[in-house]
Amino acid sequence: MSKKPAVADLAADLESVRAAFVSAEMLGLSAKAVDDLVNAGVRPADLSDRLIKAYAEGKKREMGDVNLRPLNNGMRILSDERETLSSRIVDGLSARLSGTEPSASGREFYALPLAKLAEVASKSRLGEVRNEGSGHTSSDFQHLLGAAAGKSLQRSYEIQRSPLVKVCAVEPNVSTFQPIARISLEPGPELEKVNESGEVTSGTVSDSKETLQLSQFARIFDLSRPAYLSDDLGGFSQMINQWGRVTASLEAKLIVEALTTRKMADNQLLFYSGHGNVAGSGTPISAVTLEEGSLAMATATANGHVVGVAPKYLVTPAAKQFIALQNLTNITPATVEDVNVWAGALELLVAPHLDGSSATAWYLFADPNVAPVLMLGYYSGQRGPRLTTQEGFRHLAYSFRLSMDVGIGFCGTLGCWKNPGA
């Protein structure tokens, strides 16, 4: 057995020894594993890497080669261990950025100083695969911070999304940025009675000229190195929350544009008298006007069919929230005539983005799975915002590119009704 390193050597490499114990704890190894390596003559400066390798070799004997992936030029990545450690750090960081309770796996990294997290990431080579003996850069921590920020951003976006998204159907896997023709979703021609030995005649489904086209939206933001190494993520957390609000607001603006100013293929607005989905004059929300809108939707016809669509959502600007609540609230009536038949019948969606176009207009929408009106599209399953990080070279900063690929198109006019209000 080799001799233990001299006390002077241990003192000189005290930081390496401490880092090795950190690695041992992350890997779930006991302090005896470190002592065994020291007794075997391993230099303290090499302890961190040797601990990871020793743990991996044990896993290899236990589970086969699943944890080691051979790569070119003698490189290899310990997939399970590094991916698990990365995931735990990202969980802790994202909870910290979101101001939420960390998961059990990420709890130990929740309050760890950022400089220490960067050190652990670098020593464990979590960001990228390198040749044996190569140096480390902060790009390891960059990947972790970017992943945590992206996870926190998605949560912020989901929380702040407009209720208007509920009235839209969704196409999550659009594969092109070119216009996509939509097939008409209105009923086709009526079925005809066929006499004995009679011929079945042909009918046609009207071709729709409506299209769905995605657009790219993006902006770049910078975060200085001192900002994150100072261990004060409060400003960065607020920035992420703002990014979530910005992307959610973008989505809402696209929907409002389609509802109020965008023309359909027939060069008319969605709500148009010729489409049969708008009241002749504006009236306030009441039991009577709700009945009028509901009846108009139920008795609308297309190609000889009575559509029979029932409203599911009442959509109002913020200015009409309270009168809408009054008309949908369940009360204890004194007489049968006082029963509020609309209590619980409609889900109220209050959309402040509508106030800019009209503070009085209100809308009824059917379930988009039954009679879709609008279609939100996203590129290749990337629903919501994406965050891409890049480390600066000339400036000590991280650049964050916030982007979102989204578009909206029309599906039909039968599942909605508008009252200009008063």
Protein backbone atom coordinates (compact mmCIF):
# COMPACT_ATOMS: atom_id res chain seq x y z
CA MET A 1 0.00 0.00 0.00
CA SER A 2 1.33 3.44 -0.91
CA LYS A 3 2.19 5.95 1.76
CA LYS A 4 -0.18 8.74 2.64
CA PRO A 5 0.67 12.15 1.20
CA ALA A 6 2.76 14.38 3.47
CA VAL A 7 0.99 16.81 5.77
CA ALA A 8 2.56 19.69 3.86
CA ASP A 9 1.08 18.40 0.63
CA LEU A 10 -2.35 18.10 2.22
CA ALA A 11 -2.11 21.63 3.56
CA ALA A 12 -1.09 22.94 0.15
CA ASP A 13 -4.02 21.19 -1.52
CA LEU A 14 -6.57 21.75 1.23
CA GLU A 15 -9.06 23.27 -1.24
CA SER A 16 -8.81 20.18 -3.45
CA VAL A 17 -9.48 17.90 -0.50
CA ARG A 18 -12.53 19.93 0.45
CA ALA A 19 -13.79 19.80 -3.14
CA ALA A 20 -13.32 16.04 -3.12
CA PHE A 21 -15.49 15.68 -0.05
CA VAL A 22 -18.14 17.85 -1.75
CA SER A 23 -18.04 15.48 -4.73
CA ALA A 24 -18.27 12.49 -2.42
CA GLU A 25 -21.36 13.92 -0.77
CA MET A 26 -22.99 14.66 -4.14
CA LEU A 27 -22.36 11.08 -5.23
CA GLY A 28 -23.65 9.60 -2.00
CA LEU A 29 -20.24 8.18 -1.00
CA SER A 30 -18.99 7.91 2.55
CA ALA A 31 -15.93 9.69 3.93
CA LYS A 32 -14.24 6.26 4.05
CA ALA A 33 -14.16 6.27 0.23
CA VAL A 34 -12.01 9.40 0.36
CA ASP A 35 -9.73 7.89 3.01
CA ASP A 36 -9.29 4.75 0.91
CA LEU A 37 -8.15 6.79 -2.06
CA VAL A 38 -5.76 8.86 0.05
CA ASN A 39 -4.30 5.67 1.52
CA ALA A 40 -3.84 4.39 -2.03
CA GLY A 41 -1.57 7.35 -2.76
CA VAL A 42 -3.99 9.45 -4.79
CA ARG A 43 -2.96 13.12 -4.92
CA PRO A 44 -5.50 15.43 -3.28
CA ALA A 45 -5.70 17.52 -6.46
CA ASP A 46 -6.98 14.44 -8.29
CA LEU A 47 -9.45 13.32 -5.65
CA SER A 48 -12.54 14.85 -7.22
CA ASP A 49 -12.06 13.14 -10.59
CA ARG A 50 -10.97 9.86 -8.99
CA LEU A 51 -14.04 9.81 -6.74
CA ILE A 52 -16.34 10.13 -9.73
CA LYS A 53 -14.47 7.40 -11.59
CA ALA A 54 -14.45 5.07 -8.59
CA TYR A 55 -18.18 5.50 -8.16
CA ALA A 56 -18.76 4.93 -11.86
CA GLU A 57 -16.65 1.76 -11.88
CA GLY A 58 -18.74 0.42 -9.03
CA LYS A 59 -21.89 1.18 -10.98
CA LYS A 60 -20.39 -0.45 -14.06
CA ARG A 61 -19.78 -3.71 -12.20
CA GLU A 62 -23.26 -3.47 -10.73
CA MET A 63 -25.23 -2.54 -13.86
CA GLY A 64 -22.97 -3.21 -16.83
CA ASP A 65 -21.81 -0.52 -19.25
CA VAL A 66 -24.99 1.56 -19.12
CA ASN A 67 -23.30 4.40 -17.21
CA LEU A 68 -20.24 4.73 -19.47
CA ARG A 69 -20.54 5.84 -23.09
CA PRO A 70 -17.34 5.45 -25.14
CA LEU A 71 -16.65 8.45 -27.37
CA ASN A 72 -13.99 9.43 -29.88
CA ASN A 73 -10.52 10.65 -28.85
CA GLY A 74 -10.60 8.77 -25.55
CA MET A 75 -13.38 10.91 -24.05
CA ARG A 76 -16.19 9.44 -22.03
CA ILE A 77 -19.17 10.78 -20.13
CA LEU A 78 -20.63 9.31 -16.98
CA SER A 79 -24.19 9.84 -18.10
CA ASP A 80 -26.34 8.77 -15.17
CA GLU A 81 -24.25 10.41 -12.43
CA ARG A 82 -23.67 13.71 -14.20
CA GLU A 83 -27.20 13.98 -15.53
CA THR A 84 -28.60 13.28 -12.06
CA LEU A 85 -26.34 15.83 -10.43
CA SER A 86 -27.12 18.40 -13.12
CA SER A 87 -30.85 17.80 -12.68
CA ARG A 88 -30.60 18.27 -8.91
CA ILE A 89 -28.69 21.54 -9.27
CA VAL A 90 -31.15 22.82 -11.88
CA ASP A 91 -34.08 21.91 -9.60
CA GLY A 92 -32.55 23.87 -6.73
CA LEU A 93 -31.65 26.87 -8.87
CA SER A 94 -35.02 27.04 -10.64
CA ALA A 95 -36.88 26.90 -7.31
CA ARG A 96 -34.68 29.72 -6.05
CA LEU A 97 -35.39 31.81 -9.16
CA SER A 98 -39.14 31.10 -8.96
CA GLY A 99 -39.40 31.68 -5.22
CA THR A 100 -40.94 28.23 -4.77
CA GLU A 101 -40.21 25.32 -2.47
CA PRO A 102 -37.41 23.15 -3.89
CA SER A 103 -37.90 19.46 -4.56
CA ALA A 104 -36.30 16.95 -2.23
CA SER A 105 -33.57 16.23 -4.77
CA GLY A 106 -32.71 19.91 -5.27
CA ARG A 107 -33.01 21.07 -1.68
CA GLU A 108 -29.30 20.86 -0.82
CA PHE A 109 -28.45 23.17 -3.73
CA TYR A 110 -31.23 25.68 -3.03
CA ALA A 111 -29.18 27.95 -0.76
CA LEU A 112 -25.68 27.02 -1.93
CA PRO A 113 -23.71 30.15 -2.99
CA LEU A 114 -23.58 30.56 -6.74
CA ALA A 115 -19.78 30.66 -6.78
CA LYS A 116 -19.79 27.25 -5.06
CA LEU A 117 -22.34 25.86 -7.53
CA ALA A 118 -20.13 27.09 -10.37
CA GLU A 119 -17.17 25.31 -8.78
CA VAL A 120 -19.07 22.04 -8.35
CA ALA A 121 -20.29 22.23 -11.94
CA SER A 122 -16.80 22.86 -13.26
CA LYS A 123 -15.08 20.15 -11.23
CA SER A 124 -17.78 17.61 -12.11
CA ARG A 125 -17.76 18.62 -15.80
CA LEU A 126 -21.50 18.95 -16.02
CA GLY A 127 -21.69 21.27 -19.00
CA GLU A 128 -19.78 19.41 -21.68
CA VAL A 129 -17.49 16.46 -22.38
CA ARG A 130 -13.76 17.22 -22.40
CA ASN A 131 -10.54 15.33 -22.91
CA GLU A 132 -8.93 13.92 -19.78
CA GLY A 133 -6.79 16.52 -18.05
CA SER A 134 -8.27 19.49 -19.88
CA GLY A 135 -9.11 22.73 -18.12
CA HIS A 136 -12.55 23.81 -17.03
CA THR A 137 -14.48 26.98 -17.78
CA SER A 138 -17.61 28.58 -16.38
CA SER A 139 -19.53 27.19 -19.36
CA ASP A 140 -20.51 24.29 -17.09
CA PHE A 141 -22.35 26.67 -14.79
CA GLN A 142 -23.67 28.61 -17.79
CA HIS A 143 -25.58 25.53 -18.98
CA LEU A 144 -27.00 24.90 -15.51
CA LEU A 145 -28.02 28.54 -14.97
CA GLY A 146 -29.59 28.63 -18.43
CA ALA A 147 -31.53 25.41 -17.81
CA ALA A 148 -32.75 26.65 -14.42
CA ALA A 149 -33.74 30.02 -15.88
CA GLY A 150 -35.61 28.29 -18.71
CA LYS A 151 -37.49 26.09 -16.26
CA SER A 152 -38.40 29.10 -14.11
CA LEU A 153 -39.41 31.07 -17.22
CA GLN A 154 -41.81 28.34 -18.36
CA ARG A 155 -43.46 28.36 -14.94
CA SER A 156 -43.78 32.16 -14.97
CA TYR A 157 -45.25 32.08 -18.47
CA GLU A 158 -47.81 29.41 -17.59
CA ILE A 159 -48.95 31.33 -14.51
CA GLN A 160 -49.35 34.61 -16.40
CA ARG A 161 -51.00 33.32 -19.59
CA SER A 162 -54.17 35.13 -20.60
CA PRO A 163 -57.47 33.34 -19.96
CA LEU A 164 -58.17 33.97 -23.65
CA VAL A 165 -56.06 30.93 -24.53
CA LYS A 166 -58.93 28.78 -23.25
CA VAL A 167 -61.12 29.77 -26.20
CA CYS A 168 -58.47 28.67 -28.71
CA ALA A 169 -57.80 25.28 -30.21
CA VAL A 170 -54.08 24.38 -30.26
CA GLU A 171 -51.79 22.98 -32.95
CA PRO A 172 -48.53 22.26 -31.07
CA ASN A 173 -46.53 20.70 -33.93
CA VAL A 174 -46.47 23.13 -36.83
CA SER A 175 -43.43 22.20 -38.90
CA THR A 176 -43.11 25.24 -41.16
CA PHE A 177 -43.21 29.01 -41.11
CA GLN A 178 -45.09 29.07 -44.41
CA PRO A 179 -48.89 29.61 -44.40
CA ILE A 180 -50.82 26.41 -43.75
CA ALA A 181 -54.27 26.05 -45.35
CA ARG A 182 -56.98 25.06 -42.90
CA ILE A 183 -59.73 22.59 -43.86
CA SER A 184 -63.21 23.99 -43.27
CA LEU A 185 -64.58 22.83 -39.93
CA GLU A 186 -68.17 23.78 -40.71
CA PRO A 187 -70.70 21.01 -41.34
CA GLY A 188 -70.79 19.52 -44.83
CA PRO A 189 -73.92 19.00 -46.96
CA GLU A 190 -76.91 17.13 -45.56
CA LEU A 191 -77.21 13.39 -46.09
CA GLU A 192 -79.77 12.39 -48.73
CA LYS A 193 -82.20 9.50 -48.57
CA VAL A 194 -81.14 6.66 -50.86
CA ASN A 195 -83.95 4.55 -52.31
CA GLU A 196 -83.62 0.82 -52.90
CA SER A 197 -81.01 0.28 -55.63
CA GLY A 198 -80.68 4.05 -55.78
CA GLU A 199 -77.46 5.86 -56.47
CA VAL A 200 -75.59 7.73 -53.75
CA THR A 201 -74.95 11.25 -54.98
CA SER A 202 -71.80 13.23 -54.27
CA GLY A 203 -71.55 16.18 -52.00
CA THR A 204 -68.71 18.62 -51.50
CA VAL A 205 -67.06 20.08 -48.45
CA SER A 206 -66.32 23.74 -48.92
CA ASP A 207 -62.64 24.54 -49.08
CA SER A 208 -61.50 27.02 -46.47
CA LYS A 209 -59.14 29.80 -47.45
CA GLU A 210 -58.14 30.47 -43.86
CA THR A 211 -54.50 29.91 -43.02
CA LEU A 212 -52.30 29.50 -39.98
CA GLN A 213 -48.83 31.02 -40.14
CA LEU A 214 -46.19 31.15 -37.43
CA SER A 215 -44.03 34.18 -36.70
CA GLN A 216 -40.72 34.42 -34.84
CA PHE A 217 -40.39 36.77 -31.88
CA ALA A 218 -37.11 37.29 -30.01
CA ARG A 219 -34.98 39.65 -27.90
CA ILE A 220 -31.51 39.41 -26.30
CA PHE A 221 -30.76 40.36 -22.67
CA ASP A 222 -27.41 40.39 -20.83
CA LEU A 223 -26.54 39.42 -17.25
CA SER A 224 -23.12 40.49 -15.98
CA ARG A 225 -20.80 38.05 -14.25
CA PRO A 226 -20.73 40.08 -11.00
CA ALA A 227 -24.55 40.04 -10.98
CA TYR A 228 -24.74 36.29 -10.55
CA LEU A 229 -21.51 35.70 -8.62
CA SER A 230 -22.61 38.25 -6.01
CA ASP A 231 -25.14 35.57 -5.03
CA ASP A 232 -28.04 38.01 -5.39
CA LEU A 233 -30.49 36.43 -7.83
CA GLY A 234 -33.31 38.75 -6.83
CA GLY A 235 -32.88 40.99 -9.87
CA PHE A 236 -32.44 38.04 -12.22
CA SER A 237 -35.53 36.38 -10.76
CA GLN A 238 -37.56 39.53 -11.40
CA MET A 239 -36.18 39.64 -14.95
CA ILE A 240 -37.36 36.08 -15.58
CA ASN A 241 -40.79 36.95 -14.20
CA GLN A 242 -40.93 39.89 -16.62
CA TRP A 243 -39.95 37.59 -19.50
CA GLY A 244 -42.82 35.30 -18.56
CA ARG A 245 -45.19 38.27 -18.57
CA VAL A 246 -43.86 39.56 -21.90
CA THR A 247 -44.35 36.23 -23.69
CA ALA A 248 -47.78 35.64 -22.13
CA SER A 249 -48.79 39.16 -23.14
CA LEU A 250 -47.58 38.57 -26.71
CA GLU A 251 -49.87 35.55 -26.95
CA ALA A 252 -52.82 37.55 -25.59
CA LYS A 253 -52.21 40.40 -28.04
CA LEU A 254 -52.30 37.99 -30.98
CA ILE A 255 -55.66 36.61 -29.81
CA VAL A 256 -57.14 40.08 -29.26
CA GLU A 257 -55.95 41.15 -32.71
CA ALA A 258 -57.74 38.16 -34.25
CA LEU A 259 -60.92 38.97 -32.31
CA THR A 260 -61.02 42.68 -33.08
CA THR A 261 -59.01 43.88 -36.10
CA ARG A 262 -57.74 40.99 -38.20
CA LYS A 263 -59.62 40.17 -41.41
CA MET A 264 -60.67 36.66 -42.40
CA ALA A 265 -60.30 35.19 -45.89
CA ASP A 266 -63.59 36.81 -46.95
CA ASN A 267 -62.06 40.20 -46.07
CA GLN A 268 -64.44 40.60 -43.13
CA LEU A 269 -63.84 40.69 -39.40
CA LEU A 270 -64.58 37.56 -37.36
CA PHE A 271 -67.64 39.20 -35.79
CA TYR A 272 -69.69 40.40 -38.73
CA SER A 273 -73.43 40.54 -39.39
CA GLY A 274 -73.00 38.34 -42.45
CA HIS A 275 -71.47 35.67 -40.21
CA GLY A 276 -74.51 35.82 -37.92
CA ASN A 277 -72.44 36.07 -34.76
CA VAL A 278 -72.86 39.67 -33.56
CA ALA A 279 -75.73 41.44 -31.83
CA GLY A 280 -77.51 44.15 -33.81
CA SER A 281 -76.94 46.72 -31.06
CA GLY A 282 -74.86 46.92 -27.93
CA THR A 283 -76.52 46.04 -24.62
CA PRO A 284 -75.15 45.37 -21.11
CA ILE A 285 -74.61 41.87 -19.73
CA SER A 286 -77.86 40.56 -18.23
CA ALA A 287 -79.86 37.36 -18.05
CA VAL A 288 -81.85 38.52 -21.07
CA THR A 289 -78.85 39.40 -23.26
CA LEU A 290 -77.02 36.22 -22.26
CA GLU A 291 -80.10 34.30 -23.41
CA GLU A 292 -80.12 36.18 -26.71
CA GLY A 293 -76.49 35.30 -27.40
CA SER A 294 -76.96 31.69 -26.37
CA LEU A 295 -80.02 31.34 -28.61
CA ALA A 296 -78.17 32.88 -31.56
CA MET A 297 -75.38 30.32 -31.22
CA ALA A 298 -77.77 27.40 -30.76
CA THR A 299 -79.91 28.23 -33.83
CA ALA A 300 -77.09 29.16 -36.22
CA THR A 301 -77.12 27.11 -39.43
CA ALA A 302 -74.45 25.97 -41.87
CA ASN A 303 -75.11 24.06 -45.10
CA GLY A 304 -78.66 23.34 -43.98
CA HIS A 305 -77.67 22.10 -40.54
CA VAL A 306 -78.75 23.64 -37.27
CA VAL A 307 -75.44 23.75 -35.46
CA GLY A 308 -76.81 23.72 -31.91
CA VAL A 309 -73.65 25.04 -30.24
CA ALA A 310 -73.89 25.98 -26.57
CA PRO A 311 -71.67 28.66 -25.00
CA LYS A 312 -69.12 27.61 -22.41
CA TYR A 313 -67.24 30.86 -21.74
CA LEU A 314 -68.30 34.43 -21.08
CA VAL A 315 -65.38 36.69 -22.05
CA THR A 316 -65.24 40.28 -20.84
CA PRO A 317 -62.78 43.15 -20.58
CA ALA A 318 -61.67 44.06 -17.05
CA ALA A 319 -64.12 46.99 -17.06
CA LYS A 320 -67.08 44.57 -17.14
CA GLN A 321 -65.79 42.01 -14.66
CA PHE A 322 -68.08 42.92 -11.78
CA ILE A 323 -71.32 43.12 -13.74
CA ALA A 324 -70.40 39.75 -15.26
CA LEU A 325 -69.85 38.28 -11.78
CA GLN A 326 -73.21 39.64 -10.64
CA ASN A 327 -74.95 37.84 -13.49
CA LEU A 328 -73.16 34.53 -12.91
CA THR A 329 -73.30 34.40 -9.10
CA ASN A 330 -75.48 31.80 -7.44
CA ILE A 331 -77.91 33.33 -4.94
CA THR A 332 -80.70 31.99 -2.75
CA PRO A 333 -83.89 33.08 -4.55
CA ALA A 334 -87.11 34.05 -2.80
CA THR A 335 -89.22 32.91 -5.75
CA VAL A 336 -88.80 30.73 -8.82
CA GLU A 337 -88.68 33.86 -10.95
CA ASP A 338 -85.61 35.03 -9.02
CA VAL A 339 -83.53 31.95 -9.84
CA ASN A 340 -80.33 32.85 -11.67
CA VAL A 341 -80.30 30.27 -14.46
CA TRP A 342 -76.80 31.37 -15.55
CA ALA A 343 -75.16 30.62 -12.20
CA GLY A 344 -72.57 27.93 -12.88
CA ALA A 345 -73.61 27.68 -16.54
CA LEU A 346 -70.73 29.75 -17.93
CA GLU A 347 -67.07 30.14 -17.01
CA LEU A 348 -66.04 33.79 -16.76
CA LEU A 349 -62.80 34.78 -18.51
CA VAL A 350 -61.68 38.34 -17.73
CA ALA A 351 -59.12 39.60 -20.25
CA PRO A 352 -57.60 43.07 -19.57
CA HIS A 353 -55.99 43.01 -23.02
CA LEU A 354 -59.50 43.55 -24.44
CA ASP A 355 -59.99 46.90 -22.70
CA GLY A 356 -57.72 48.65 -25.19
CA SER A 357 -60.02 47.81 -28.09
CA SER A 358 -63.35 48.13 -26.25
CA ALA A 359 -64.17 48.46 -22.56
CA THR A 360 -67.82 47.46 -23.15
CA ALA A 361 -67.87 44.58 -25.67
CA TRP A 362 -68.39 41.08 -24.31
CA TYR A 363 -68.33 37.65 -25.94
CA LEU A 364 -69.65 34.11 -25.71
CA PHE A 365 -67.50 31.17 -26.86
CA ALA A 366 -68.21 27.48 -27.25
CA ASP A 367 -65.80 24.78 -26.16
CA PRO A 368 -63.01 24.91 -28.81
CA ASN A 369 -63.08 21.11 -28.95
CA VAL A 370 -66.69 21.32 -30.17
CA ALA A 371 -66.76 24.45 -32.35
CA PRO A 372 -63.27 25.97 -32.69
CA VAL A 373 -63.00 29.61 -33.69
CA LEU A 374 -59.28 30.34 -33.33
CA MET A 375 -56.22 28.12 -33.62
CA LEU A 376 -52.97 28.84 -31.76
CA GLY A 377 -49.97 27.22 -33.43
CA TYR A 378 -46.48 26.50 -32.07
CA TYR A 379 -43.37 25.28 -33.84
CA SER A 380 -42.42 21.60 -33.44
CA GLY A 381 -43.87 21.10 -30.00
CA GLN A 382 -42.13 24.16 -28.53
CA ARG A 383 -45.15 25.60 -26.76
CA GLY A 384 -44.27 28.82 -24.98
CA PRO A 385 -40.99 30.76 -24.70
CA ARG A 386 -37.47 29.39 -25.10
CA LEU A 387 -34.32 30.68 -23.44
CA THR A 388 -30.89 30.22 -25.04
CA THR A 389 -27.69 31.20 -23.20
CA GLN A 390 -24.28 32.21 -24.47
CA GLU A 391 -21.19 33.22 -22.52
CA GLY A 392 -19.60 36.48 -23.61
CA PHE A 393 -16.00 36.61 -24.79
CA ARG A 394 -15.22 40.33 -24.93
CA HIS A 395 -17.44 41.08 -21.93
CA LEU A 396 -17.77 39.03 -18.73
CA ALA A 397 -21.47 38.44 -19.07
CA TYR A 398 -24.06 35.89 -20.09
CA SER A 399 -26.38 36.67 -22.97
CA PHE A 400 -29.91 35.31 -22.85
CA ARG A 401 -31.94 35.10 -26.03
CA LEU A 402 -35.66 34.99 -25.32
CA SER A 403 -37.66 33.68 -28.27
CA MET A 404 -41.09 32.34 -29.13
CA ASP A 405 -42.52 30.86 -32.33
CA VAL A 406 -46.28 31.29 -32.37
CA GLY A 407 -49.10 32.10 -34.76
CA ILE A 408 -52.88 32.30 -34.81
CA GLY A 409 -55.44 31.47 -37.48
CA PHE A 410 -59.20 31.25 -37.90
CA CYS A 411 -61.14 27.98 -37.84
CA GLY A 412 -64.75 29.12 -38.18
CA THR A 413 -67.41 31.58 -37.06
CA LEU A 414 -70.06 29.35 -35.48
CA GLY A 415 -68.61 28.90 -31.99
CA CYS A 416 -68.69 32.54 -30.91
CA TRP A 417 -70.98 35.52 -30.46
CA LYS A 418 -70.27 39.20 -29.70
CA ASN A 419 -72.29 41.93 -28.09
CA PRO A 420 -70.78 45.45 -28.48
CA GLY A 421 -72.02 46.20 -24.98
CA ALA A 422 -73.01 49.46 -23.38
